[in-house]
Full PDB file with SEQRES, HELIX, SHEET, SSBOND, CRYST1, ORIGX, SCALE, CONECT and MASTER records, all heavy atoms in Angstrom:
SEQRES   1 A   38  SER CYS ALA ALA SER ASP VAL THR PHE ARG LEU TYR HIS          
SEQRES   2 A   38  MET SER TRP TYR ARG GLN ALA PRO GLY LYS GLU ARG GLU          
SEQRES   3 A   38  LEU VAL ALA SER ILE THR ASP ILE GLY GLY LYS VAL              
HELIX    1 AA1 PHE A    9  LEU A   11  5                                   3    
SHEET    1 AA1 2 MET A  14  ARG A  18  0                                        
SHEET    2 AA1 2 GLU A  26  ILE A  31 -1                                        
CRYST1    1.000    1.000    1.000  90.00  90.00  90.00 P 1           1          
ORIGX1      1.000000  0.000000  0.000000        0.00000                         
ORIGX2      0.000000  1.000000  0.000000        0.00000                         
ORIGX3      0.000000  0.000000  1.000000        0.00000                         
SCALE1      1.000000  0.000000  0.000000        0.00000                         
SCALE2      0.000000  1.000000  0.000000        0.00000                         
SCALE3      0.000000  0.000000  1.000000        0.00000                         
ATOM      1  N   SER A   1      10.003   3.664   2.497  1.00  0.00           N  
ATOM      2  CA  SER A   1       9.082   4.415   3.262  1.00  0.00           C  
ATOM      3  C   SER A   1       8.060   5.124   2.364  1.00  0.00           C  
ATOM      4  O   SER A   1       8.422   5.492   1.260  1.00  0.00           O  
ATOM      5  CB  SER A   1       9.816   5.456   4.101  1.00  0.00           C  
ATOM      6  OG  SER A   1      10.716   4.882   5.023  1.00  0.00           O  
ATOM      7  N   CYS A   2       6.867   5.291   2.863  1.00  0.00           N  
ATOM      8  CA  CYS A   2       5.832   6.027   2.149  1.00  0.00           C  
ATOM      9  C   CYS A   2       5.179   6.994   3.108  1.00  0.00           C  
ATOM     10  O   CYS A   2       4.611   6.543   4.099  1.00  0.00           O  
ATOM     11  CB  CYS A   2       4.804   5.058   1.534  1.00  0.00           C  
ATOM     12  SG  CYS A   2       3.426   5.876   0.672  1.00  0.00           S  
ATOM     13  N   ALA A   3       5.298   8.258   2.808  1.00  0.00           N  
ATOM     14  CA  ALA A   3       4.701   9.331   3.611  1.00  0.00           C  
ATOM     15  C   ALA A   3       3.434   9.848   2.981  1.00  0.00           C  
ATOM     16  O   ALA A   3       3.410  10.110   1.778  1.00  0.00           O  
ATOM     17  CB  ALA A   3       5.687  10.446   3.826  1.00  0.00           C  
ATOM     18  N   ALA A   4       2.361   9.921   3.724  1.00  0.00           N  
ATOM     19  CA  ALA A   4       1.070  10.314   3.219  1.00  0.00           C  
ATOM     20  C   ALA A   4       0.717  11.715   3.761  1.00  0.00           C  
ATOM     21  O   ALA A   4       1.052  12.071   4.889  1.00  0.00           O  
ATOM     22  CB  ALA A   4      -0.036   9.316   3.658  1.00  0.00           C  
ATOM     23  N   SER A   5       0.036  12.488   2.926  1.00  0.00           N  
ATOM     24  CA  SER A   5      -0.436  13.800   3.341  1.00  0.00           C  
ATOM     25  C   SER A   5      -1.838  14.036   2.768  1.00  0.00           C  
ATOM     26  O   SER A   5      -2.206  13.435   1.753  1.00  0.00           O  
ATOM     27  CB  SER A   5       0.482  14.886   2.858  1.00  0.00           C  
ATOM     28  OG  SER A   5       0.535  14.936   1.431  1.00  0.00           O  
ATOM     29  N   ASP A   6      -2.613  14.847   3.446  1.00  0.00           N  
ATOM     30  CA  ASP A   6      -3.982  15.196   3.055  1.00  0.00           C  
ATOM     31  C   ASP A   6      -4.902  13.986   2.914  1.00  0.00           C  
ATOM     32  O   ASP A   6      -5.760  13.909   2.068  1.00  0.00           O  
ATOM     33  CB  ASP A   6      -3.920  15.959   1.729  1.00  0.00           C  
ATOM     34  CG  ASP A   6      -3.203  17.299   1.809  1.00  0.00           C  
ATOM     35  OD1 ASP A   6      -3.235  17.886   2.911  1.00  0.00           O  
ATOM     36  OD2 ASP A   6      -2.606  17.721   0.806  1.00  0.00           O  
ATOM     37  N   VAL A   7      -4.679  13.012   3.745  1.00  0.00           N  
ATOM     38  CA  VAL A   7      -5.588  11.859   3.821  1.00  0.00           C  
ATOM     39  C   VAL A   7      -5.857  11.554   5.290  1.00  0.00           C  
ATOM     40  O   VAL A   7      -5.077  11.911   6.165  1.00  0.00           O  
ATOM     41  CB  VAL A   7      -5.004  10.599   3.140  1.00  0.00           C  
ATOM     42  CG1 VAL A   7      -4.737  10.853   1.641  1.00  0.00           C  
ATOM     43  CG2 VAL A   7      -3.732  10.130   3.860  1.00  0.00           C  
ATOM     44  N   THR A   8      -7.027  10.928   5.528  1.00  0.00           N  
ATOM     45  CA  THR A   8      -7.326  10.392   6.854  1.00  0.00           C  
ATOM     46  C   THR A   8      -6.625   9.047   6.954  1.00  0.00           C  
ATOM     47  O   THR A   8      -7.263   7.966   6.715  1.00  0.00           O  
ATOM     48  CB  THR A   8      -8.840  10.313   7.093  1.00  0.00           C  
ATOM     49  OG1 THR A   8      -9.423  11.579   6.751  1.00  0.00           O  
ATOM     50  CG2 THR A   8      -9.109   9.968   8.516  1.00  0.00           C  
ATOM     51  N   PHE A   9      -5.368   9.066   7.221  1.00  0.00           N  
ATOM     52  CA  PHE A   9      -4.503   7.922   7.008  1.00  0.00           C  
ATOM     53  C   PHE A   9      -5.004   6.671   7.733  1.00  0.00           C  
ATOM     54  O   PHE A   9      -4.912   5.579   7.177  1.00  0.00           O  
ATOM     55  CB  PHE A   9      -3.069   8.248   7.474  1.00  0.00           C  
ATOM     56  CG  PHE A   9      -2.074   7.170   7.213  1.00  0.00           C  
ATOM     57  CD1 PHE A   9      -1.528   6.991   5.936  1.00  0.00           C  
ATOM     58  CD2 PHE A   9      -1.670   6.306   8.226  1.00  0.00           C  
ATOM     59  CE1 PHE A   9      -0.623   6.028   5.666  1.00  0.00           C  
ATOM     60  CE2 PHE A   9      -0.736   5.347   7.968  1.00  0.00           C  
ATOM     61  CZ  PHE A   9      -0.209   5.190   6.684  1.00  0.00           C  
ATOM     62  N   ARG A  10      -5.475   6.809   8.935  1.00  0.00           N  
ATOM     63  CA  ARG A  10      -5.883   5.659   9.733  1.00  0.00           C  
ATOM     64  C   ARG A  10      -6.998   4.838   9.073  1.00  0.00           C  
ATOM     65  O   ARG A  10      -7.191   3.682   9.449  1.00  0.00           O  
ATOM     66  CB  ARG A  10      -6.231   6.055  11.160  1.00  0.00           C  
ATOM     67  CG  ARG A  10      -7.524   6.852  11.215  1.00  0.00           C  
ATOM     68  CD  ARG A  10      -7.822   7.363  12.656  1.00  0.00           C  
ATOM     69  NE  ARG A  10      -9.085   8.064  12.714  1.00  0.00           N  
ATOM     70  CZ  ARG A  10      -9.261   9.334  12.380  1.00  0.00           C  
ATOM     71  NH1 ARG A  10      -8.223  10.056  11.945  1.00  0.00           N  
ATOM     72  NH2 ARG A  10     -10.439   9.909  12.501  1.00  0.00           N  
ATOM     73  N   LEU A  11      -7.741   5.442   8.163  1.00  0.00           N  
ATOM     74  CA  LEU A  11      -8.883   4.804   7.511  1.00  0.00           C  
ATOM     75  C   LEU A  11      -8.486   4.036   6.244  1.00  0.00           C  
ATOM     76  O   LEU A  11      -9.291   3.334   5.675  1.00  0.00           O  
ATOM     77  CB  LEU A  11      -9.968   5.794   7.177  1.00  0.00           C  
ATOM     78  CG  LEU A  11     -10.552   6.581   8.339  1.00  0.00           C  
ATOM     79  CD1 LEU A  11     -11.590   7.565   7.820  1.00  0.00           C  
ATOM     80  CD2 LEU A  11     -11.170   5.642   9.362  1.00  0.00           C  
ATOM     81  N   TYR A  12      -7.231   4.191   5.792  1.00  0.00           N  
ATOM     82  CA  TYR A  12      -6.823   3.666   4.498  1.00  0.00           C  
ATOM     83  C   TYR A  12      -6.171   2.290   4.602  1.00  0.00           C  
ATOM     84  O   TYR A  12      -5.394   2.017   5.501  1.00  0.00           O  
ATOM     85  CB  TYR A  12      -5.880   4.655   3.808  1.00  0.00           C  
ATOM     86  CG  TYR A  12      -6.584   5.788   3.097  1.00  0.00           C  
ATOM     87  CD1 TYR A  12      -7.131   6.822   3.870  1.00  0.00           C  
ATOM     88  CD2 TYR A  12      -6.616   5.834   1.719  1.00  0.00           C  
ATOM     89  CE1 TYR A  12      -7.807   7.846   3.231  1.00  0.00           C  
ATOM     90  CE2 TYR A  12      -7.284   6.881   1.092  1.00  0.00           C  
ATOM     91  CZ  TYR A  12      -7.853   7.873   1.856  1.00  0.00           C  
ATOM     92  OH  TYR A  12      -8.478   8.906   1.193  1.00  0.00           O  
ATOM     93  N   HIS A  13      -6.529   1.478   3.625  1.00  0.00           N  
ATOM     94  CA  HIS A  13      -5.802   0.233   3.418  1.00  0.00           C  
ATOM     95  C   HIS A  13      -4.560   0.548   2.597  1.00  0.00           C  
ATOM     96  O   HIS A  13      -4.624   1.108   1.529  1.00  0.00           O  
ATOM     97  CB  HIS A  13      -6.698  -0.768   2.659  1.00  0.00           C  
ATOM     98  CG  HIS A  13      -6.126  -2.091   2.430  1.00  0.00           C  
ATOM     99  ND1 HIS A  13      -6.511  -3.191   3.134  1.00  0.00           N  
ATOM    100  CD2 HIS A  13      -5.174  -2.513   1.582  1.00  0.00           C  
ATOM    101  CE1 HIS A  13      -5.878  -4.242   2.735  1.00  0.00           C  
ATOM    102  NE2 HIS A  13      -5.029  -3.858   1.769  1.00  0.00           N  
ATOM    103  N   MET A  14      -3.397   0.197   3.097  1.00  0.00           N  
ATOM    104  CA  MET A  14      -2.127   0.538   2.479  1.00  0.00           C  
ATOM    105  C   MET A  14      -1.445  -0.661   1.868  1.00  0.00           C  
ATOM    106  O   MET A  14      -1.455  -1.754   2.422  1.00  0.00           O  
ATOM    107  CB  MET A  14      -1.165   1.188   3.482  1.00  0.00           C  
ATOM    108  CG  MET A  14      -1.723   2.398   4.196  1.00  0.00           C  
ATOM    109  SD  MET A  14      -1.967   3.795   3.052  1.00  0.00           S  
ATOM    110  CE  MET A  14      -0.304   4.063   2.425  1.00  0.00           C  
ATOM    111  N   SER A  15      -0.899  -0.446   0.675  1.00  0.00           N  
ATOM    112  CA  SER A  15      -0.255  -1.536  -0.046  1.00  0.00           C  
ATOM    113  C   SER A  15       1.042  -1.065  -0.719  1.00  0.00           C  
ATOM    114  O   SER A  15       1.209   0.157  -1.007  1.00  0.00           O  
ATOM    115  CB  SER A  15      -1.158  -2.121  -1.114  1.00  0.00           C  
ATOM    116  OG  SER A  15      -2.366  -2.647  -0.561  1.00  0.00           O  
ATOM    117  N   TRP A  16       1.924  -2.011  -0.942  1.00  0.00           N  
ATOM    118  CA  TRP A  16       3.066  -1.782  -1.799  1.00  0.00           C  
ATOM    119  C   TRP A  16       2.937  -2.620  -3.068  1.00  0.00           C  
ATOM    120  O   TRP A  16       2.623  -3.801  -3.014  1.00  0.00           O  
ATOM    121  CB  TRP A  16       4.394  -2.189  -1.103  1.00  0.00           C  
ATOM    122  CG  TRP A  16       4.814  -1.195  -0.049  1.00  0.00           C  
ATOM    123  CD1 TRP A  16       4.589  -1.307   1.280  1.00  0.00           C  
ATOM    124  CD2 TRP A  16       5.615  -0.047  -0.272  1.00  0.00           C  
ATOM    125  NE1 TRP A  16       5.168  -0.208   1.951  1.00  0.00           N  
ATOM    126  CE2 TRP A  16       5.778   0.577   1.000  1.00  0.00           C  
ATOM    127  CE3 TRP A  16       6.114   0.598  -1.400  1.00  0.00           C  
ATOM    128  CZ2 TRP A  16       6.496   1.765   1.173  1.00  0.00           C  
ATOM    129  CZ3 TRP A  16       6.828   1.801  -1.231  1.00  0.00           C  
ATOM    130  CH2 TRP A  16       7.005   2.351   0.006  1.00  0.00           C  
ATOM    131  N   TYR A  17       3.164  -1.969  -4.197  1.00  0.00           N  
ATOM    132  CA  TYR A  17       3.165  -2.632  -5.540  1.00  0.00           C  
ATOM    133  C   TYR A  17       4.567  -2.451  -6.129  1.00  0.00           C  
ATOM    134  O   TYR A  17       5.301  -1.601  -5.729  1.00  0.00           O  
ATOM    135  CB  TYR A  17       2.096  -2.040  -6.465  1.00  0.00           C  
ATOM    136  CG  TYR A  17       0.672  -2.347  -6.113  1.00  0.00           C  
ATOM    137  CD1 TYR A  17       0.008  -1.709  -5.081  1.00  0.00           C  
ATOM    138  CD2 TYR A  17      -0.031  -3.272  -6.861  1.00  0.00           C  
ATOM    139  CE1 TYR A  17      -1.305  -1.975  -4.772  1.00  0.00           C  
ATOM    140  CE2 TYR A  17      -1.365  -3.541  -6.589  1.00  0.00           C  
ATOM    141  CZ  TYR A  17      -1.995  -2.899  -5.571  1.00  0.00           C  
ATOM    142  OH  TYR A  17      -3.282  -3.197  -5.248  1.00  0.00           O  
ATOM    143  N   ARG A  18       4.823  -3.230  -7.122  1.00  0.00           N  
ATOM    144  CA  ARG A  18       6.048  -3.033  -7.916  1.00  0.00           C  
ATOM    145  C   ARG A  18       5.807  -3.308  -9.360  1.00  0.00           C  
ATOM    146  O   ARG A  18       4.916  -4.054  -9.709  1.00  0.00           O  
ATOM    147  CB  ARG A  18       7.210  -3.892  -7.364  1.00  0.00           C  
ATOM    148  CG  ARG A  18       7.029  -5.367  -7.564  1.00  0.00           C  
ATOM    149  CD  ARG A  18       8.156  -6.138  -6.916  1.00  0.00           C  
ATOM    150  NE  ARG A  18       8.051  -7.579  -7.103  1.00  0.00           N  
ATOM    151  CZ  ARG A  18       8.836  -8.476  -6.522  1.00  0.00           C  
ATOM    152  NH1 ARG A  18       9.758  -8.079  -5.649  1.00  0.00           N  
ATOM    153  NH2 ARG A  18       8.656  -9.760  -6.768  1.00  0.00           N  
ATOM    154  N   GLN A  19       6.605  -2.644 -10.193  1.00  0.00           N  
ATOM    155  CA  GLN A  19       6.512  -2.867 -11.617  1.00  0.00           C  
ATOM    156  C   GLN A  19       7.921  -2.922 -12.219  1.00  0.00           C  
ATOM    157  O   GLN A  19       8.663  -1.948 -12.138  1.00  0.00           O  
ATOM    158  CB  GLN A  19       5.675  -1.748 -12.282  1.00  0.00           C  
ATOM    159  CG  GLN A  19       5.391  -2.025 -13.748  1.00  0.00           C  
ATOM    160  CD  GLN A  19       4.369  -1.064 -14.310  1.00  0.00           C  
ATOM    161  OE1 GLN A  19       4.135   0.034 -13.784  1.00  0.00           O  
ATOM    162  NE2 GLN A  19       3.681  -1.474 -15.345  1.00  0.00           N  
ATOM    163  N   ALA A  20       8.231  -4.041 -12.831  1.00  0.00           N  
ATOM    164  CA  ALA A  20       9.491  -4.225 -13.520  1.00  0.00           C  
ATOM    165  C   ALA A  20       9.286  -3.899 -14.987  1.00  0.00           C  
ATOM    166  O   ALA A  20       8.187  -4.008 -15.507  1.00  0.00           O  
ATOM    167  CB  ALA A  20      10.049  -5.640 -13.344  1.00  0.00           C  
ATOM    168  N   PRO A  21      10.369  -3.550 -15.721  1.00  0.00           N  
ATOM    169  CA  PRO A  21      10.289  -3.287 -17.148  1.00  0.00           C  
ATOM    170  C   PRO A  21       9.621  -4.435 -17.895  1.00  0.00           C  
ATOM    171  O   PRO A  21      10.037  -5.600 -17.745  1.00  0.00           O  
ATOM    172  CB  PRO A  21      11.686  -3.081 -17.562  1.00  0.00           C  
ATOM    173  CG  PRO A  21      12.401  -2.602 -16.335  1.00  0.00           C  
ATOM    174  CD  PRO A  21      11.736  -3.360 -15.223  1.00  0.00           C  
ATOM    175  N   GLY A  22       8.612  -4.161 -18.684  1.00  0.00           N  
ATOM    176  CA  GLY A  22       7.930  -5.136 -19.502  1.00  0.00           C  
ATOM    177  C   GLY A  22       6.968  -6.012 -18.745  1.00  0.00           C  
ATOM    178  O   GLY A  22       6.390  -6.904 -19.353  1.00  0.00           O  
ATOM    179  N   LYS A  23       6.729  -5.711 -17.489  1.00  0.00           N  
ATOM    180  CA  LYS A  23       5.826  -6.467 -16.681  1.00  0.00           C  
ATOM    181  C   LYS A  23       4.662  -5.640 -16.154  1.00  0.00           C  
ATOM    182  O   LYS A  23       4.762  -4.401 -16.060  1.00  0.00           O  
ATOM    183  CB  LYS A  23       6.539  -7.168 -15.517  1.00  0.00           C  
ATOM    184  CG  LYS A  23       7.577  -8.217 -15.920  1.00  0.00           C  
ATOM    185  CD  LYS A  23       8.151  -8.888 -14.688  1.00  0.00           C  
ATOM    186  CE  LYS A  23       9.067 -10.028 -15.082  1.00  0.00           C  
ATOM    187  NZ  LYS A  23       9.611 -10.725 -13.914  1.00  0.00           N  
ATOM    188  N   GLU A  24       3.606  -6.328 -15.760  1.00  0.00           N  
ATOM    189  CA  GLU A  24       2.479  -5.626 -15.171  1.00  0.00           C  
ATOM    190  C   GLU A  24       2.788  -5.249 -13.690  1.00  0.00           C  
ATOM    191  O   GLU A  24       3.621  -5.904 -13.049  1.00  0.00           O  
ATOM    192  CB  GLU A  24       1.244  -6.550 -15.191  1.00  0.00           C  
ATOM    193  CG  GLU A  24       0.765  -6.944 -16.538  1.00  0.00           C  
ATOM    194  CD  GLU A  24       0.169  -5.788 -17.275  1.00  0.00           C  
ATOM    195  OE1 GLU A  24      -0.477  -4.898 -16.656  1.00  0.00           O  
ATOM    196  OE2 GLU A  24       0.333  -5.695 -18.519  1.00  0.00           O  
ATOM    197  N   ARG A  25       2.141  -4.229 -13.245  1.00  0.00           N  
ATOM    198  CA  ARG A  25       2.300  -3.844 -11.837  1.00  0.00           C  
ATOM    199  C   ARG A  25       1.688  -4.956 -10.983  1.00  0.00           C  
ATOM    200  O   ARG A  25       0.570  -5.418 -11.240  1.00  0.00           O  
ATOM    201  CB  ARG A  25       1.620  -2.511 -11.584  1.00  0.00           C  
ATOM    202  CG  ARG A  25       1.875  -1.971 -10.177  1.00  0.00           C  
ATOM    203  CD  ARG A  25       1.350  -0.545 -10.054  1.00  0.00           C  
ATOM    204  NE  ARG A  25       2.057   0.402 -10.958  1.00  0.00           N  
ATOM    205  CZ  ARG A  25       1.867   1.699 -10.930  1.00  0.00           C  
ATOM    206  NH1 ARG A  25       1.006   2.250 -10.076  1.00  0.00           N  
ATOM    207  NH2 ARG A  25       2.513   2.472 -11.778  1.00  0.00           N  
ATOM    208  N   GLU A  26       2.417  -5.367  -9.959  1.00  0.00           N  
ATOM    209  CA  GLU A  26       1.956  -6.476  -9.097  1.00  0.00           C  
ATOM    210  C   GLU A  26       1.929  -6.063  -7.655  1.00  0.00           C  
ATOM    211  O   GLU A  26       2.758  -5.249  -7.196  1.00  0.00           O  
ATOM    212  CB  GLU A  26       2.828  -7.661  -9.280  1.00  0.00           C  
ATOM    213  CG  GLU A  26       4.285  -7.469  -8.832  1.00  0.00           C  
ATOM    214  CD  GLU A  26       5.109  -8.747  -8.876  1.00  0.00           C  
ATOM    215  OE1 GLU A  26       4.534  -9.868  -8.749  1.00  0.00           O  
ATOM    216  OE2 GLU A  26       6.322  -8.667  -9.023  1.00  0.00           O  
ATOM    217  N   LEU A  27       0.965  -6.583  -6.939  1.00  0.00           N  
ATOM    218  CA  LEU A  27       0.843  -6.353  -5.513  1.00  0.00           C  
ATOM    219  C   LEU A  27       1.933  -7.137  -4.760  1.00  0.00           C  
ATOM    220  O   LEU A  27       2.102  -8.350  -4.994  1.00  0.00           O  
ATOM    221  CB  LEU A  27      -0.537  -6.781  -5.026  1.00  0.00           C  
ATOM    222  CG  LEU A  27      -0.796  -6.666  -3.502  1.00  0.00           C  
ATOM    223  CD1 LEU A  27      -0.726  -5.234  -3.047  1.00  0.00           C  
ATOM    224  CD2 LEU A  27      -2.132  -7.289  -3.161  1.00  0.00           C  
ATOM    225  N   VAL A  28       2.642  -6.440  -3.883  1.00  0.00           N  
ATOM    226  CA  VAL A  28       3.720  -7.051  -3.104  1.00  0.00           C  
ATOM    227  C   VAL A  28       3.305  -7.361  -1.694  1.00  0.00           C  
ATOM    228  O   VAL A  28       3.480  -8.464  -1.183  1.00  0.00           O  
ATOM    229  CB  VAL A  28       4.956  -6.150  -3.123  1.00  0.00           C  
ATOM    230  CG1 VAL A  28       6.031  -6.739  -2.181  1.00  0.00           C  
ATOM    231  CG2 VAL A  28       5.494  -5.993  -4.511  1.00  0.00           C  
ATOM    232  N   ALA A  29       2.653  -6.379  -1.020  1.00  0.00           N  
ATOM    233  CA  ALA A  29       2.248  -6.511   0.332  1.00  0.00           C  
ATOM    234  C   ALA A  29       1.170  -5.545   0.689  1.00  0.00           C  
ATOM    235  O   ALA A  29       1.080  -4.470   0.028  1.00  0.00           O  
ATOM    236  CB  ALA A  29       3.453  -6.302   1.301  1.00  0.00           C  
ATOM    237  N   SER A  30       0.352  -5.832   1.629  1.00  0.00           N  
ATOM    238  CA  SER A  30      -0.680  -4.924   2.066  1.00  0.00           C  
ATOM    239  C   SER A  30      -0.919  -5.011   3.572  1.00  0.00           C  
ATOM    240  O   SER A  30      -0.610  -6.045   4.184  1.00  0.00           O  
ATOM    241  CB  SER A  30      -2.037  -5.168   1.348  1.00  0.00           C  
ATOM    242  OG  SER A  30      -2.518  -6.499   1.610  1.00  0.00           O  
ATOM    243  N   ILE A  31      -1.489  -3.977   4.130  1.00  0.00           N  
ATOM    244  CA  ILE A  31      -1.767  -3.937   5.567  1.00  0.00           C  
ATOM    245  C   ILE A  31      -3.118  -3.190   5.729  1.00  0.00           C  
ATOM    246  O   ILE A  31      -3.351  -2.169   5.119  1.00  0.00           O  
ATOM    247  CB  ILE A  31      -0.633  -3.272   6.360  1.00  0.00           C  
ATOM    248  CG1 ILE A  31      -0.907  -3.304   7.861  1.00  0.00           C  
ATOM    249  CG2 ILE A  31      -0.366  -1.830   5.910  1.00  0.00           C  
ATOM    250  CD1 ILE A  31       0.307  -2.962   8.699  1.00  0.00           C  
ATOM    251  N   THR A  32      -3.995  -3.716   6.562  1.00  0.00           N  
ATOM    252  CA  THR A  32      -5.321  -3.166   6.684  1.00  0.00           C  
ATOM    253  C   THR A  32      -5.334  -1.897   7.533  1.00  0.00           C  
ATOM    254  O   THR A  32      -4.389  -1.608   8.243  1.00  0.00           O  
ATOM    255  CB  THR A  32      -6.278  -4.221   7.339  1.00  0.00           C  
ATOM    256  OG1 THR A  32      -5.785  -4.558   8.649  1.00  0.00           O  
ATOM    257  CG2 THR A  32      -6.413  -5.458   6.447  1.00  0.00           C  
ATOM    258  N   ASP A  33      -6.458  -1.184   7.414  1.00  0.00           N  
ATOM    259  CA  ASP A  33      -6.627   0.050   8.147  1.00  0.00           C  
ATOM    260  C   ASP A  33      -6.703  -0.108   9.635  1.00  0.00           C  
ATOM    261  O   ASP A  33      -6.135   0.675  10.408  1.00  0.00           O  
ATOM    262  CB  ASP A  33      -7.838   0.866   7.585  1.00  0.00           C  
ATOM    263  CG  ASP A  33      -9.100   0.024   7.607  1.00  0.00           C  
ATOM    264  OD1 ASP A  33      -9.035  -1.240   7.739  1.00  0.00           O  
ATOM    265  OD2 ASP A  33     -10.181   0.632   7.462  1.00  0.00           O  
ATOM    266  N   ILE A  34      -7.453  -1.138  10.054  1.00  0.00           N  
ATOM    267  CA  ILE A  34      -7.652  -1.395  11.474  1.00  0.00           C  
ATOM    268  C   ILE A  34      -7.177  -2.799  11.758  1.00  0.00           C  
ATOM    269  O   ILE A  34      -7.516  -3.750  11.103  1.00  0.00           O  
ATOM    270  CB  ILE A  34      -9.147  -1.258  11.851  1.00  0.00           C  
ATOM    271  CG1 ILE A  34      -9.659   0.136  11.553  1.00  0.00           C  
ATOM    272  CG2 ILE A  34      -9.345  -1.634  13.324  1.00  0.00           C  
ATOM    273  CD1 ILE A  34     -11.128   0.317  11.770  1.00  0.00           C  
ATOM    274  N   GLY A  35      -6.334  -2.909  12.794  1.00  0.00           N  
ATOM    275  CA  GLY A  35      -5.824  -4.193  13.252  1.00  0.00           C  
ATOM    276  C   GLY A  35      -4.493  -4.584  12.661  1.00  0.00           C  
ATOM    277  O   GLY A  35      -3.826  -5.443  13.229  1.00  0.00           O  
ATOM    278  N   GLY A  36      -4.056  -3.946  11.590  1.00  0.00           N  
ATOM    279  CA  GLY A  36      -2.764  -4.191  11.066  1.00  0.00           C  
ATOM    280  C   GLY A  36      -2.576  -5.622  10.451  1.00  0.00           C  
ATOM    281  O   GLY A  36      -1.445  -6.118  10.450  1.00  0.00           O  
ATOM    282  N   LYS A  37      -3.615  -6.177   9.944  1.00  0.00           N  
ATOM    283  CA  LYS A  37      -3.509  -7.496   9.272  1.00  0.00           C  
ATOM    284  C   LYS A  37      -2.697  -7.303   7.998  1.00  0.00           C  
ATOM    285  O   LYS A  37      -2.944  -6.406   7.212  1.00  0.00           O  
ATOM    286  CB  LYS A  37      -4.884  -8.056   8.976  1.00  0.00           C  
ATOM    287  CG  LYS A  37      -4.833  -9.448   8.298  1.00  0.00           C  
ATOM    288  CD  LYS A  37      -6.214  -9.975   8.022  1.00  0.00           C  
ATOM    289  CE  LYS A  37      -6.179 -11.337   7.335  1.00  0.00           C  
ATOM    290  NZ  LYS A  37      -7.521 -11.821   7.008  1.00  0.00           N  
ATOM    291  N   VAL A  38      -1.725  -8.208   7.799  1.00  0.00           N  
ATOM    292  CA  VAL A  38      -0.804  -8.080   6.673  1.00  0.00           C  
ATOM    293  C   VAL A  38      -0.949  -9.263   5.742  1.00  0.00           C  
ATOM    294  O   VAL A  38      -1.322 -10.368   6.150  1.00  0.00           O  
ATOM    295  CB  VAL A  38       0.647  -7.960   7.126  1.00  0.00           C  
ATOM    296  CG1 VAL A  38       0.793  -6.674   7.965  1.00  0.00           C  
ATOM    297  CG2 VAL A  38       1.093  -9.158   7.913  1.00  0.00           C  
TER     298      VAL A  38                                                      
MASTER        0    0    0    1    2    0    0    6  297    1    0    3          
END                                                                             
């Protein structure tokens, strides 16, 4: 879960990233601000 504060949340494109030891941070998943495209 990710809880947001002090943002106009509905306008933001939200994403999950991950970073393993010795690796670059990588995009895992994203969801758009309007319409919920994933």
